[in-house]
């Protein structure tokens, strides 16, 4: 994945509802039709980084199978950052598309 892409995918996923880590990874996999597979070795460091930056917050809760799980949700600052990064991604992907079509 392109640097920073995972952060944007996580933020966009959490814009829907608070989720625990495994659910975030599964949602990204599901929406991408099994193209984007996020492993725990990448997911949890990204979640910690986003939390340390104040873009998400975490609270303990119970999962669907009655296990303790950390649920992550987007903060106001996280929503703002997500919108900025989404705009950056749109510009970048459009520029890459233009190069691929014209080279």
N, C-alpha and C. Protein backbone atom coordinates (compact mmCIF):
# COMPACT_ATOMS: atom_id res chain seq x y z
N UNK A 1 0.83 -1.19 0.00
CA UNK A 1 0.00 0.00 0.00
C UNK A 1 0.87 1.25 0.00
N UNK A 2 0.36 2.31 -0.60
CA UNK A 2 1.04 3.59 -0.60
C UNK A 2 1.09 4.12 0.83
N UNK A 3 2.21 4.75 1.18
CA UNK A 3 2.39 5.31 2.53
C UNK A 3 1.18 6.16 2.93
N UNK A 4 0.62 5.91 4.08
CA UNK A 4 -0.51 6.68 4.58
C UNK A 4 -1.86 6.17 4.12
N UNK A 5 -1.89 5.26 3.18
CA UNK A 5 -3.16 4.75 2.66
C UNK A 5 -3.94 4.00 3.73
N UNK A 6 -3.25 3.17 4.51
CA UNK A 6 -3.93 2.40 5.54
C UNK A 6 -4.59 3.33 6.54
N UNK A 7 -3.92 4.40 6.93
CA UNK A 7 -4.51 5.35 7.87
C UNK A 7 -5.82 5.89 7.32
N UNK A 8 -5.83 6.29 6.06
CA UNK A 8 -7.04 6.82 5.44
C UNK A 8 -8.14 5.76 5.38
N UNK A 9 -7.79 4.53 5.04
CA UNK A 9 -8.79 3.45 5.00
C UNK A 9 -9.40 3.21 6.37
N UNK A 10 -8.58 3.24 7.41
CA UNK A 10 -9.08 3.05 8.77
C UNK A 10 -10.01 4.20 9.16
N UNK A 11 -9.57 5.43 8.92
CA UNK A 11 -10.40 6.58 9.27
C UNK A 11 -11.73 6.55 8.53
N UNK A 12 -11.69 6.24 7.26
CA UNK A 12 -12.92 6.18 6.45
C UNK A 12 -13.85 5.08 6.98
N UNK A 13 -13.28 3.95 7.37
CA UNK A 13 -14.08 2.85 7.92
C UNK A 13 -14.72 3.26 9.23
N UNK A 14 -13.97 3.95 10.08
CA UNK A 14 -14.50 4.38 11.37
C UNK A 14 -15.49 5.53 11.26
N UNK A 15 -15.55 6.18 10.10
CA UNK A 15 -16.53 7.24 9.89
C UNK A 15 -17.95 6.68 9.93
N UNK A 16 -18.09 5.38 9.68
CA UNK A 16 -19.40 4.74 9.71
C UNK A 16 -19.88 4.52 11.14
N UNK A 17 -19.06 3.81 11.92
CA UNK A 17 -19.40 3.42 13.29
C UNK A 17 -18.13 3.08 14.03
N UNK A 18 -18.15 3.14 15.37
CA UNK A 18 -17.01 2.62 16.14
C UNK A 18 -16.86 1.11 15.87
N UNK A 19 -15.63 0.65 15.79
CA UNK A 19 -15.36 -0.77 15.52
C UNK A 19 -14.11 -1.20 16.25
N UNK A 20 -14.02 -2.51 16.49
CA UNK A 20 -12.78 -3.06 17.04
C UNK A 20 -11.87 -3.43 15.87
N UNK A 21 -10.61 -3.67 16.18
CA UNK A 21 -9.60 -3.87 15.15
C UNK A 21 -9.94 -4.93 14.12
N UNK A 22 -10.36 -6.10 14.58
CA UNK A 22 -10.66 -7.19 13.65
C UNK A 22 -11.79 -6.79 12.71
N UNK A 23 -12.80 -6.09 13.23
CA UNK A 23 -13.92 -5.66 12.40
C UNK A 23 -13.48 -4.63 11.36
N UNK A 24 -12.54 -3.77 11.73
CA UNK A 24 -12.01 -2.79 10.78
C UNK A 24 -11.35 -3.52 9.61
N UNK A 25 -10.48 -4.47 9.92
CA UNK A 25 -9.79 -5.24 8.88
C UNK A 25 -10.77 -5.99 7.99
N UNK A 26 -11.80 -6.59 8.60
CA UNK A 26 -12.79 -7.33 7.84
C UNK A 26 -13.62 -6.43 6.95
N UNK A 27 -13.95 -5.25 7.43
CA UNK A 27 -14.73 -4.30 6.63
C UNK A 27 -13.95 -3.82 5.41
N UNK A 28 -12.66 -3.53 5.61
CA UNK A 28 -11.81 -3.11 4.49
C UNK A 28 -11.71 -4.24 3.47
N UNK A 29 -11.52 -5.47 3.95
CA UNK A 29 -11.45 -6.63 3.05
C UNK A 29 -12.75 -6.79 2.28
N UNK A 30 -13.87 -6.70 2.99
CA UNK A 30 -15.19 -6.89 2.39
C UNK A 30 -15.49 -5.82 1.34
N UNK A 31 -15.28 -4.57 1.67
CA UNK A 31 -15.59 -3.49 0.75
C UNK A 31 -14.69 -3.53 -0.49
N UNK A 32 -13.44 -3.96 -0.29
CA UNK A 32 -12.51 -4.05 -1.43
C UNK A 32 -12.64 -5.35 -2.21
N UNK A 33 -13.63 -6.14 -1.86
CA UNK A 33 -13.86 -7.44 -2.52
C UNK A 33 -12.63 -8.33 -2.44
N UNK A 34 -12.07 -8.43 -1.24
CA UNK A 34 -10.92 -9.29 -0.92
C UNK A 34 -9.60 -8.86 -1.58
N UNK A 35 -9.53 -7.64 -2.09
CA UNK A 35 -8.28 -7.17 -2.68
C UNK A 35 -7.35 -6.63 -1.59
N UNK A 36 -7.89 -5.86 -0.65
CA UNK A 36 -7.08 -5.27 0.42
C UNK A 36 -7.20 -6.11 1.68
N UNK A 37 -6.12 -6.78 2.01
CA UNK A 37 -6.08 -7.62 3.21
C UNK A 37 -5.13 -6.96 4.20
N UNK A 38 -5.68 -6.48 5.31
CA UNK A 38 -4.90 -5.77 6.31
C UNK A 38 -4.52 -6.76 7.40
N UNK A 39 -3.22 -6.99 7.58
CA UNK A 39 -2.79 -7.91 8.63
C UNK A 39 -2.60 -7.17 9.94
N UNK A 40 -2.62 -7.93 11.03
CA UNK A 40 -2.52 -7.35 12.37
C UNK A 40 -1.21 -6.60 12.56
N UNK A 41 -0.15 -7.06 11.90
CA UNK A 41 1.15 -6.42 12.03
C UNK A 41 1.18 -5.01 11.47
N UNK A 42 0.26 -4.68 10.59
CA UNK A 42 0.14 -3.33 10.05
C UNK A 42 -1.01 -2.58 10.72
N UNK A 43 -2.10 -3.28 11.03
CA UNK A 43 -3.30 -2.64 11.56
C UNK A 43 -3.08 -2.01 12.93
N UNK A 44 -2.58 -2.79 13.88
CA UNK A 44 -2.49 -2.28 15.25
C UNK A 44 -1.48 -1.16 15.43
N UNK A 45 -0.33 -1.19 14.77
CA UNK A 45 0.54 0.00 14.84
C UNK A 45 -0.14 1.24 14.25
N UNK A 46 -0.91 1.06 13.17
CA UNK A 46 -1.63 2.19 12.57
C UNK A 46 -2.68 2.73 13.53
N UNK A 47 -3.41 1.84 14.20
CA UNK A 47 -4.41 2.28 15.17
C UNK A 47 -3.76 3.06 16.31
N UNK A 48 -2.63 2.56 16.81
CA UNK A 48 -1.92 3.27 17.89
C UNK A 48 -1.43 4.64 17.42
N UNK A 49 -0.92 4.70 16.21
CA UNK A 49 -0.43 5.97 15.65
C UNK A 49 -1.58 6.97 15.52
N UNK A 50 -2.71 6.52 15.00
CA UNK A 50 -3.87 7.38 14.85
C UNK A 50 -4.39 7.86 16.21
N UNK A 51 -4.36 6.96 17.18
CA UNK A 51 -4.81 7.34 18.53
C UNK A 51 -3.84 8.35 19.15
N UNK A 52 -2.55 8.11 19.00
CA UNK A 52 -1.54 9.04 19.54
C UNK A 52 -1.63 10.42 18.91
N UNK A 53 -2.05 10.48 17.65
CA UNK A 53 -2.20 11.75 16.95
C UNK A 53 -3.52 12.45 17.29
N UNK A 54 -4.38 11.76 18.03
CA UNK A 54 -5.66 12.35 18.42
C UNK A 54 -6.74 12.24 17.37
N UNK A 55 -6.54 11.41 16.36
CA UNK A 55 -7.51 11.28 15.29
C UNK A 55 -8.56 10.21 15.56
N UNK A 56 -8.25 9.27 16.45
CA UNK A 56 -9.25 8.30 16.91
C UNK A 56 -9.12 8.18 18.42
N UNK A 57 -10.17 7.64 19.05
CA UNK A 57 -10.12 7.33 20.48
C UNK A 57 -10.52 5.88 20.66
N UNK A 58 -10.10 5.31 21.77
CA UNK A 58 -10.38 3.90 22.02
C UNK A 58 -11.09 3.75 23.37
N UNK A 59 -12.05 2.84 23.41
CA UNK A 59 -12.75 2.49 24.64
C UNK A 59 -12.96 0.99 24.65
N UNK A 60 -12.87 0.41 25.84
CA UNK A 60 -13.10 -1.02 25.96
C UNK A 60 -14.60 -1.30 25.95
N UNK A 61 -14.96 -2.39 25.28
CA UNK A 61 -16.35 -2.82 25.23
C UNK A 61 -16.40 -4.31 24.98
N UNK A 62 -17.61 -4.82 24.77
CA UNK A 62 -17.78 -6.25 24.49
C UNK A 62 -18.10 -6.45 23.02
N UNK A 63 -17.44 -7.45 22.43
CA UNK A 63 -17.68 -7.76 21.02
C UNK A 63 -18.95 -8.61 20.91
N UNK A 64 -19.33 -8.93 19.68
CA UNK A 64 -20.53 -9.74 19.44
C UNK A 64 -20.46 -11.11 20.09
N UNK A 65 -19.24 -11.62 20.27
CA UNK A 65 -19.10 -12.95 20.89
C UNK A 65 -18.76 -12.84 22.39
N UNK A 66 -19.16 -11.72 23.00
CA UNK A 66 -19.00 -11.48 24.44
C UNK A 66 -17.56 -11.46 24.92
N UNK A 67 -16.65 -11.08 24.08
CA UNK A 67 -15.25 -10.92 24.47
C UNK A 67 -14.94 -9.45 24.63
N UNK A 68 -13.98 -9.16 25.51
CA UNK A 68 -13.53 -7.79 25.69
C UNK A 68 -12.78 -7.34 24.44
N UNK A 69 -13.10 -6.16 23.95
CA UNK A 69 -12.45 -5.65 22.74
C UNK A 69 -12.32 -4.13 22.86
N UNK A 70 -11.28 -3.60 22.24
CA UNK A 70 -11.08 -2.16 22.20
C UNK A 70 -11.79 -1.63 20.97
N UNK A 71 -12.73 -0.71 21.19
CA UNK A 71 -13.48 -0.10 20.09
C UNK A 71 -12.90 1.27 19.79
N UNK A 72 -12.68 1.51 18.51
CA UNK A 72 -12.09 2.76 18.05
C UNK A 72 -13.16 3.61 17.38
N UNK A 73 -13.09 4.91 17.62
CA UNK A 73 -14.02 5.83 16.97
C UNK A 73 -13.26 7.08 16.53
N UNK A 74 -13.83 7.75 15.57
CA UNK A 74 -13.22 8.94 14.98
C UNK A 74 -13.45 10.15 15.89
N UNK A 75 -12.44 10.97 16.06
CA UNK A 75 -12.59 12.22 16.80
C UNK A 75 -12.93 13.34 15.82
N UNK A 76 -13.26 14.50 16.33
CA UNK A 76 -13.52 15.65 15.46
C UNK A 76 -12.28 15.97 14.63
N UNK A 77 -11.10 15.96 15.29
CA UNK A 77 -9.84 16.20 14.57
C UNK A 77 -9.60 15.12 13.52
N UNK A 78 -10.00 13.89 13.84
CA UNK A 78 -9.85 12.79 12.90
C UNK A 78 -10.71 12.96 11.66
N UNK A 79 -11.93 13.49 11.85
CA UNK A 79 -12.81 13.74 10.70
C UNK A 79 -12.20 14.79 9.78
N UNK A 80 -11.64 15.83 10.39
CA UNK A 80 -11.00 16.90 9.60
C UNK A 80 -9.80 16.35 8.84
N UNK A 81 -8.95 15.59 9.53
CA UNK A 81 -7.77 15.00 8.91
C UNK A 81 -8.18 14.04 7.78
N UNK A 82 -9.24 13.26 8.01
CA UNK A 82 -9.71 12.31 7.00
C UNK A 82 -10.14 13.05 5.74
N UNK A 83 -10.87 14.14 5.88
CA UNK A 83 -11.31 14.91 4.71
C UNK A 83 -10.11 15.46 3.94
N UNK A 84 -9.10 15.96 4.67
CA UNK A 84 -7.90 16.48 4.02
C UNK A 84 -7.15 15.38 3.28
N UNK A 85 -6.99 14.23 3.93
CA UNK A 85 -6.27 13.12 3.30
C UNK A 85 -7.04 12.53 2.13
N UNK A 86 -8.35 12.53 2.24
CA UNK A 86 -9.17 12.04 1.12
C UNK A 86 -8.99 12.94 -0.10
N UNK A 87 -8.96 14.25 0.12
CA UNK A 87 -8.73 15.20 -0.98
C UNK A 87 -7.34 15.00 -1.57
N UNK A 88 -6.33 14.78 -0.72
CA UNK A 88 -4.97 14.51 -1.20
C UNK A 88 -4.94 13.24 -2.03
N UNK A 89 -5.63 12.21 -1.56
CA UNK A 89 -5.67 10.93 -2.28
C UNK A 89 -6.33 11.11 -3.64
N UNK A 90 -7.41 11.86 -3.72
CA UNK A 90 -8.09 12.10 -4.99
C UNK A 90 -7.15 12.79 -5.98
N UNK A 91 -6.41 13.80 -5.51
CA UNK A 91 -5.46 14.50 -6.39
C UNK A 91 -4.36 13.55 -6.85
N UNK A 92 -3.80 12.78 -5.93
CA UNK A 92 -2.72 11.86 -6.25
C UNK A 92 -3.19 10.79 -7.24
N UNK A 93 -4.33 10.17 -6.97
CA UNK A 93 -4.79 9.10 -7.86
C UNK A 93 -5.16 9.64 -9.23
N UNK A 94 -5.71 10.86 -9.30
CA UNK A 94 -6.01 11.47 -10.60
C UNK A 94 -4.72 11.74 -11.38
N UNK A 95 -3.69 12.22 -10.70
CA UNK A 95 -2.40 12.49 -11.36
C UNK A 95 -1.77 11.20 -11.86
N UNK A 96 -1.82 10.15 -11.05
CA UNK A 96 -1.27 8.85 -11.46
C UNK A 96 -2.04 8.34 -12.68
N UNK A 97 -3.36 8.48 -12.66
CA UNK A 97 -4.19 8.06 -13.78
C UNK A 97 -3.82 8.78 -15.06
N UNK A 98 -3.56 10.08 -14.97
CA UNK A 98 -3.17 10.84 -16.15
C UNK A 98 -1.84 10.35 -16.72
N UNK A 99 -0.88 10.05 -15.85
CA UNK A 99 0.42 9.56 -16.32
C UNK A 99 0.25 8.19 -16.98
N UNK A 100 -0.52 7.32 -16.36
CA UNK A 100 -0.71 5.97 -16.92
C UNK A 100 -1.39 6.01 -18.29
N UNK A 101 -2.28 6.94 -18.49
CA UNK A 101 -2.98 7.04 -19.77
C UNK A 101 -2.16 7.70 -20.86
N UNK A 102 -1.19 8.50 -20.46
CA UNK A 102 -0.45 9.30 -21.45
C UNK A 102 1.01 8.91 -21.62
N UNK A 103 1.42 7.82 -21.07
CA UNK A 103 2.83 7.42 -21.24
C UNK A 103 2.89 6.25 -22.20
